[in-house]
């Protein structure tokens, strides 16, 4: 699992989006609400940990 942080490419817009995805190819071209594109600024990988019950 990956946590991907995206920001708007328009310097006047302060939009930030965090997506949780299974595979990196799931990150697609995404548009901001203001009409500009979102740019990936950070990708972190996570492995789920199952605690014993």
C-alpha atoms as a PDB file:
ATOM      1  CA  UNK A   1       0.000   0.000   0.000  1.00  0.00           C
ATOM      2  CA  UNK A   2       1.234   3.484  -0.816  1.00  0.00           C
ATOM      3  CA  UNK A   3       0.381   6.913   0.513  1.00  0.00           C
ATOM      4  CA  UNK A   4       0.730   9.516  -2.248  1.00  0.00           C
ATOM      5  CA  UNK A   5       0.672  13.248  -1.557  1.00  0.00           C
ATOM      6  CA  UNK A   6      -0.214  15.609  -4.390  1.00  0.00           C
ATOM      7  CA  UNK A   7      -0.302  19.406  -4.629  1.00  0.00           C
ATOM      8  CA  UNK A   8      -1.811  21.721  -7.214  1.00  0.00           C
ATOM      9  CA  UNK A   9       0.532  22.904  -9.971  1.00  0.00           C
ATOM     10  CA  UNK A  10      -0.906  26.441  -9.757  1.00  0.00           C
ATOM     11  CA  UNK A  11       1.187  28.406  -7.220  1.00  0.00           C
ATOM     12  CA  UNK A  12      -1.881  30.496  -6.319  1.00  0.00           C
ATOM     13  CA  UNK A  13      -3.824  27.390  -5.239  1.00  0.00           C
ATOM     14  CA  UNK A  14      -3.078  25.710  -1.911  1.00  0.00           C
ATOM     15  CA  UNK A  15      -4.869  22.416  -2.629  1.00  0.00           C
ATOM     16  CA  UNK A  16      -3.267  19.264  -1.226  1.00  0.00           C
ATOM     17  CA  UNK A  17      -4.575  15.726  -1.727  1.00  0.00           C
ATOM     18  CA  UNK A  18      -3.554  12.452  -0.070  1.00  0.00           C
ATOM     19  CA  UNK A  19      -4.390   9.192  -1.832  1.00  0.00           C
ATOM     20  CA  UNK A  20      -4.063   5.626  -0.513  1.00  0.00           C
ATOM     21  CA  UNK A  21      -3.452   3.190  -3.360  1.00  0.00           C
ATOM     22  CA  UNK A  22      -2.497  -0.463  -3.767  1.00  0.00           C
ATOM     23  CA  UNK A  23      -0.227  -0.037  -6.810  1.00  0.00           C
ATOM     24  CA  UNK A  24       1.662   2.971  -8.136  1.00  0.00           C
ATOM     25  CA  UNK A  25       0.047   2.642 -11.562  1.00  0.00           C
ATOM     26  CA  UNK A  26      -3.213   3.706  -9.890  1.00  0.00           C
ATOM     27  CA  UNK A  27      -1.892   7.279  -9.660  1.00  0.00           C
ATOM     28  CA  UNK A  28      -3.413   8.861 -12.724  1.00  0.00           C
ATOM     29  CA  UNK A  29      -3.490  12.355 -14.120  1.00  0.00           C
ATOM     30  CA  UNK A  30      -5.796  14.108 -11.683  1.00  0.00           C
ATOM     31  CA  UNK A  31      -7.142  17.619 -12.038  1.00  0.00           C
ATOM     32  CA  UNK A  32      -7.495  20.046  -9.165  1.00  0.00           C
ATOM     33  CA  UNK A  33     -10.834  21.734  -8.529  1.00  0.00           C
ATOM     34  CA  UNK A  34      -9.295  24.964  -9.856  1.00  0.00           C
ATOM     35  CA  UNK A  35      -8.647  23.292 -13.235  1.00  0.00           C
ATOM     36  CA  UNK A  36      -4.879  22.821 -12.983  1.00  0.00           C
ATOM     37  CA  UNK A  37      -3.140  19.467 -12.615  1.00  0.00           C
ATOM     38  CA  UNK A  38      -1.998  17.849  -9.388  1.00  0.00           C
ATOM     39  CA  UNK A  39       1.683  16.997  -8.985  1.00  0.00           C
ATOM     40  CA  UNK A  40       3.003  14.122  -6.867  1.00  0.00           C
ATOM     41  CA  UNK A  41       5.329  15.428  -4.165  1.00  0.00           C
ATOM     42  CA  UNK A  42       5.780  12.359  -1.969  1.00  0.00           C
ATOM     43  CA  UNK A  43       5.220   8.614  -2.099  1.00  0.00           C
ATOM     44  CA  UNK A  44       5.550   6.419   0.966  1.00  0.00           C
ATOM     45  CA  UNK A  45       5.188   2.656   1.021  1.00  0.00           C
ATOM     46  CA  UNK A  46       3.402   0.861   3.836  1.00  0.00           C
ATOM     47  CA  UNK A  47       2.937  -2.794   4.613  1.00  0.00           C
ATOM     48  CA  UNK A  48      -0.140  -3.656   6.645  1.00  0.00           C
ATOM     49  CA  UNK A  49       0.567  -5.176  10.051  1.00  0.00           C
ATOM     50  CA  UNK A  50      -1.985  -7.518  11.492  1.00  0.00           C
ATOM     51  CA  UNK A  51      -2.020  -7.631  15.287  1.00  0.00           C
ATOM     52  CA  UNK A  52      -2.903 -10.919  16.947  1.00  0.00           C
ATOM     53  CA  UNK A  53      -6.325 -10.911  18.545  1.00  0.00           C
END
